N, C-alpha and C. Protein backbone atom coordinates (compact mmCIF):
# COMPACT_ATOMS: atom_id res chain seq x y z
N UNK A 1 0.75 -1.21 -0.18
CA UNK A 1 -0.04 -0.04 0.03
C UNK A 1 0.80 1.24 0.04
N UNK A 2 0.44 2.19 -0.53
CA UNK A 2 1.10 3.60 -0.90
C UNK A 2 0.98 4.18 0.57
N UNK A 3 1.69 5.30 0.80
CA UNK A 3 1.68 6.13 2.01
C UNK A 3 0.55 6.95 2.04
N UNK A 4 -0.10 7.45 0.87
CA UNK A 4 -1.34 8.14 0.90
C UNK A 4 -2.59 7.31 1.30
N UNK A 5 -2.52 5.97 0.83
CA UNK A 5 -3.68 5.11 1.15
C UNK A 5 -3.70 4.86 2.71
N UNK A 6 -2.48 4.57 3.19
CA UNK A 6 -2.40 4.37 4.63
C UNK A 6 -2.80 5.54 5.50
N UNK A 7 -2.43 6.69 5.03
CA UNK A 7 -2.86 7.79 5.79
C UNK A 7 -4.49 8.03 5.67
N UNK A 8 -4.93 7.87 4.58
CA UNK A 8 -6.39 7.94 4.28
C UNK A 8 -7.20 6.87 5.28
N UNK A 9 -6.66 5.68 5.27
CA UNK A 9 -7.41 4.73 6.14
C UNK A 9 -7.22 5.07 7.60
N UNK A 10 -6.02 5.53 7.84
CA UNK A 10 -5.81 5.89 9.36
C UNK A 10 -6.73 6.99 9.70
N UNK A 11 -6.85 8.02 8.83
CA UNK A 11 -7.62 9.14 9.06
C UNK A 11 -9.07 8.84 9.19
N UNK A 12 -9.56 7.87 8.45
CA UNK A 12 -10.98 7.44 8.44
C UNK A 12 -11.24 6.62 9.82
N UNK A 13 -10.21 5.66 10.18
CA UNK A 13 -10.32 5.02 11.40
C UNK A 13 -10.48 6.05 12.65
N UNK A 14 -9.54 6.99 12.55
CA UNK A 14 -9.45 8.05 13.73
C UNK A 14 -10.86 8.82 13.89
N UNK A 15 -11.29 9.21 12.64
CA UNK A 15 -12.53 10.02 12.66
C UNK A 15 -13.73 9.01 13.27
N UNK A 16 -13.79 7.78 12.92
CA UNK A 16 -14.87 6.94 13.50
C UNK A 16 -14.66 6.71 15.05
N UNK A 17 -13.55 6.55 15.40
CA UNK A 17 -13.12 6.44 16.84
C UNK A 17 -13.51 7.87 17.54
N UNK A 18 -13.21 8.93 16.97
CA UNK A 18 -13.45 10.13 17.62
C UNK A 18 -15.12 10.26 17.55
N UNK A 19 -15.86 10.05 16.69
CA UNK A 19 -17.38 10.05 16.70
C UNK A 19 -17.87 9.09 17.77
N UNK A 20 -17.42 7.94 17.92
CA UNK A 20 -17.90 6.96 18.95
C UNK A 20 -17.53 7.52 20.37
N UNK A 21 -16.44 8.08 20.66
CA UNK A 21 -16.16 8.67 21.89
C UNK A 21 -17.02 9.86 22.24
N UNK A 22 -17.24 10.75 21.21
CA UNK A 22 -18.13 11.84 21.39
C UNK A 22 -19.58 11.20 21.64
N UNK A 23 -20.04 10.17 21.03
CA UNK A 23 -21.23 9.72 21.22
C UNK A 23 -21.43 9.17 22.62
N UNK A 24 -20.39 8.44 23.18
CA UNK A 24 -20.28 7.74 24.48
C UNK A 24 -20.43 8.88 25.63
N UNK A 25 -19.54 10.00 25.35
CA UNK A 25 -19.38 10.97 26.31
C UNK A 25 -20.73 11.65 26.57
N UNK A 26 -21.24 11.91 25.34
CA UNK A 26 -22.58 12.54 25.26
C UNK A 26 -23.80 11.86 25.98
N UNK A 27 -23.68 10.51 25.66
CA UNK A 27 -24.56 9.65 26.45
C UNK A 27 -24.37 9.56 27.89
N UNK A 28 -23.26 9.50 28.31
CA UNK A 28 -23.03 9.36 29.62
C UNK A 28 -23.43 10.68 30.57
N UNK A 29 -23.06 11.72 29.76
CA UNK A 29 -23.53 13.17 30.42
C UNK A 29 -24.95 13.33 30.39
N UNK A 30 -25.74 12.95 29.31
CA UNK A 30 -27.18 13.06 29.50
C UNK A 30 -27.93 12.07 30.41
N UNK A 31 -27.25 10.94 30.52
CA UNK A 31 -27.76 9.84 31.54
C UNK A 31 -27.63 10.37 32.86
N UNK A 32 -26.52 11.00 33.24
CA UNK A 32 -26.27 11.67 34.55
C UNK A 32 -27.06 12.82 34.80
N UNK A 33 -27.23 13.69 33.74
CA UNK A 33 -28.04 14.79 34.08
C UNK A 33 -29.51 14.34 34.19
N UNK A 34 -29.96 13.51 33.51
CA UNK A 34 -31.44 13.08 33.66
C UNK A 34 -31.74 11.89 34.77
N UNK A 35 -30.68 11.60 35.40
CA UNK A 35 -30.80 10.41 36.36
C UNK A 35 -31.29 9.14 35.89
N UNK A 36 -30.83 8.66 34.82
CA UNK A 36 -31.21 7.48 34.14
C UNK A 36 -29.94 6.39 33.84
N UNK A 37 -30.33 5.31 33.51
CA UNK A 37 -29.20 4.31 33.20
C UNK A 37 -28.80 4.74 31.71
N UNK A 38 -27.73 4.16 31.27
CA UNK A 38 -27.30 4.47 29.82
C UNK A 38 -28.31 3.91 28.77
N UNK A 39 -28.64 2.76 29.08
CA UNK A 39 -29.63 2.22 28.28
C UNK A 39 -31.00 2.89 28.15
N UNK A 40 -31.40 3.27 29.28
CA UNK A 40 -32.75 4.14 29.34
C UNK A 40 -32.50 5.32 28.64
N UNK A 41 -31.44 5.99 28.79
CA UNK A 41 -31.24 7.37 28.06
C UNK A 41 -31.31 6.96 26.57
N UNK A 42 -30.55 5.91 26.10
CA UNK A 42 -30.71 5.65 24.64
C UNK A 42 -32.05 5.42 24.16
N UNK A 43 -32.90 4.81 25.10
CA UNK A 43 -34.20 4.38 24.63
C UNK A 43 -35.14 5.73 24.66
N UNK A 44 -34.61 6.66 25.52
CA UNK A 44 -35.46 7.88 25.51
C UNK A 44 -35.36 8.83 24.26
N UNK A 45 -34.09 8.56 23.61
CA UNK A 45 -33.92 9.34 22.28
C UNK A 45 -34.67 9.03 21.23
N UNK A 46 -35.27 7.79 21.18
CA UNK A 46 -36.11 7.43 20.13
C UNK A 46 -37.67 7.73 20.40
N UNK A 47 -38.02 7.88 21.58
CA UNK A 47 -39.47 8.25 21.75
C UNK A 47 -39.78 9.60 21.67
N UNK A 48 -41.03 9.96 21.31
CA UNK A 48 -41.41 11.37 21.22
C UNK A 48 -42.48 11.38 22.27
N UNK A 49 -42.48 12.52 23.20
CA UNK A 49 -43.38 12.79 24.04
C UNK A 49 -44.53 13.72 23.46
N UNK A 50 -45.71 13.25 23.64
CA UNK A 50 -46.82 13.99 22.92
C UNK A 50 -47.73 14.60 24.14
N UNK A 51 -47.88 15.94 24.11
CA UNK A 51 -48.74 16.66 24.95
C UNK A 51 -50.13 16.51 24.52
N UNK A 52 -51.04 16.17 25.74
CA UNK A 52 -52.56 16.09 25.40
C UNK A 52 -53.09 17.53 25.94
N UNK A 53 -53.64 18.06 25.04
CA UNK A 53 -54.40 19.38 25.57
C UNK A 53 -55.83 19.18 25.63
N UNK A 54 -56.46 19.54 26.67
CA UNK A 54 -57.90 19.37 26.76
C UNK A 54 -58.62 20.59 26.39
N UNK A 55 -59.08 20.54 25.24
CA UNK A 55 -59.87 21.71 24.74
C UNK A 55 -61.34 21.64 24.64
N UNK A 56 -61.94 20.87 25.58
CA UNK A 56 -63.25 20.64 25.61
C UNK A 56 -64.11 21.94 25.85
N UNK A 57 -63.51 22.76 26.73
CA UNK A 57 -64.21 24.16 27.00
C UNK A 57 -64.32 24.93 25.70
N UNK A 58 -63.36 24.76 24.79
CA UNK A 58 -63.22 25.76 23.67
C UNK A 58 -64.10 25.26 22.68
N UNK A 59 -64.97 24.19 22.47
CA UNK A 59 -65.59 23.82 21.45
C UNK A 59 -66.82 24.66 21.45
N UNK A 60 -67.13 25.01 20.18
CA UNK A 60 -68.43 25.90 19.88
C UNK A 60 -69.34 24.96 19.04
N UNK A 61 -70.65 25.15 19.40
CA UNK A 61 -71.55 24.47 18.59
C UNK A 61 -71.79 25.10 17.32
N UNK A 62 -72.40 24.45 16.26
CA UNK A 62 -72.58 24.97 14.90
C UNK A 62 -73.60 26.16 15.10
N UNK A 63 -74.58 26.02 15.84
CA UNK A 63 -75.52 27.11 15.98
C UNK A 63 -74.93 28.43 16.69
N UNK A 64 -73.98 28.18 17.69
CA UNK A 64 -73.34 29.35 18.13
C UNK A 64 -72.35 29.98 17.17
N UNK A 65 -71.84 29.27 16.43
CA UNK A 65 -70.77 29.68 15.34
C UNK A 65 -71.46 30.41 14.31
N UNK A 66 -72.70 30.07 13.91
CA UNK A 66 -73.47 30.67 12.87
C UNK A 66 -73.93 32.05 13.27
N UNK A 67 -74.08 32.31 14.63
CA UNK A 67 -74.46 33.48 15.13
C UNK A 67 -73.45 34.45 15.36
N UNK A 68 -72.06 33.89 15.43
CA UNK A 68 -71.11 34.89 15.56
C UNK A 68 -70.39 35.13 14.21
N UNK A 69 -70.72 34.66 13.07
CA UNK A 69 -70.20 34.91 11.87
C UNK A 69 -70.56 36.34 11.22
N UNK A 70 -69.68 36.96 10.67
CA UNK A 70 -69.97 38.32 10.27
C UNK A 70 -69.51 38.48 8.76
N UNK A 71 -69.96 39.52 8.01
CA UNK A 71 -69.57 39.65 6.81
C UNK A 71 -68.27 40.57 6.87
N UNK A 72 -67.53 40.39 5.76
CA UNK A 72 -66.24 41.20 5.53
C UNK A 72 -66.65 42.51 5.29
N UNK A 73 -65.98 43.47 6.01
CA UNK A 73 -66.19 45.02 5.77
C UNK A 73 -65.01 45.48 5.06
N UNK A 74 -65.16 46.95 4.75
CA UNK A 74 -63.97 47.42 4.11
C UNK A 74 -62.84 47.46 4.95
N UNK A 75 -62.94 47.67 6.35
CA UNK A 75 -61.71 47.62 7.19
C UNK A 75 -60.99 46.32 7.06
N UNK A 76 -61.76 45.30 6.94
CA UNK A 76 -61.03 43.90 6.76
C UNK A 76 -60.37 43.89 5.61
N UNK A 77 -60.86 44.35 4.48
CA UNK A 77 -60.13 44.12 3.19
C UNK A 77 -58.87 45.09 3.27
N UNK A 78 -58.88 46.26 3.85
CA UNK A 78 -57.74 47.04 4.05
C UNK A 78 -56.54 46.43 4.88
N UNK A 79 -56.98 45.62 5.86
CA UNK A 79 -56.13 44.79 6.78
C UNK A 79 -55.46 43.68 5.85
N UNK A 80 -56.11 43.19 4.96
CA UNK A 80 -55.61 42.04 4.13
C UNK A 80 -54.52 42.71 3.21
N UNK A 81 -54.88 43.92 2.68
CA UNK A 81 -53.95 44.49 1.84
C UNK A 81 -52.59 44.82 2.56
N UNK A 82 -52.67 45.36 3.82
CA UNK A 82 -51.68 45.59 4.65
C UNK A 82 -50.71 44.40 4.89
N UNK A 83 -51.29 43.31 5.12
CA UNK A 83 -50.65 42.14 5.42
C UNK A 83 -49.82 41.68 4.08
N UNK A 84 -50.53 41.91 2.95
CA UNK A 84 -49.81 41.52 1.68
C UNK A 84 -48.67 42.40 1.58
N UNK A 85 -48.70 43.69 1.73
CA UNK A 85 -47.53 44.60 1.82
C UNK A 85 -46.48 44.30 2.40
N UNK A 86 -46.81 43.83 3.87
CA UNK A 86 -45.90 43.45 4.71
C UNK A 86 -45.15 42.09 4.12
N UNK A 87 -45.73 41.23 3.47
CA UNK A 87 -45.18 40.08 2.96
C UNK A 87 -44.40 40.38 1.80
N UNK A 88 -44.71 41.37 1.15
CA UNK A 88 -43.95 41.81 -0.04
C UNK A 88 -42.62 42.47 0.45
N UNK A 89 -42.52 43.10 1.50
CA UNK A 89 -41.47 43.67 1.98
C UNK A 89 -40.39 42.80 2.36
N UNK A 90 -40.87 41.65 2.81
CA UNK A 90 -39.94 40.47 3.38
C UNK A 90 -39.71 39.44 2.26
N UNK A 91 -40.04 39.70 1.06
CA UNK A 91 -39.84 38.54 0.17
C UNK A 91 -38.49 38.21 -0.38
N UNK A 92 -37.45 39.17 0.12
CA UNK A 92 -36.14 38.85 -0.37
C UNK A 92 -35.44 38.42 0.79
N UNK A 93 -36.19 37.94 1.99
CA UNK A 93 -35.47 37.32 3.24
C UNK A 93 -35.16 36.03 3.05
N UNK A 94 -33.75 35.62 3.21
CA UNK A 94 -33.44 34.08 3.10
C UNK A 94 -33.38 33.45 4.51
N UNK A 95 -34.09 32.43 4.73
CA UNK A 95 -33.99 31.66 5.98
C UNK A 95 -32.97 30.69 5.88
N UNK A 96 -32.01 30.64 6.83
CA UNK A 96 -30.93 29.72 6.87
C UNK A 96 -30.99 28.88 8.07
N UNK A 97 -31.05 27.67 7.86
CA UNK A 97 -31.25 26.64 8.91
C UNK A 97 -29.96 26.13 9.31
């Protein structure tokens, strides 16, 4: 094998070892902070906690909703135009994630 090939292989092996060490250290720190075992910490990474919101008080009957509906007035149309102008002003903004 040439010297360049040996350097490339050793670089890849070192990178894999580095990633493994970072993973283990992160796992141990997170397990310690959350007072869990290492395996329980790993299991918690795969689960998604779902919040249940009780919105039974916010429900509106169709009859009540029909009573509260209103027609669009000229003021509402002006508000829509203003929102469109605001959107046009920020059309050149680039979001970087």
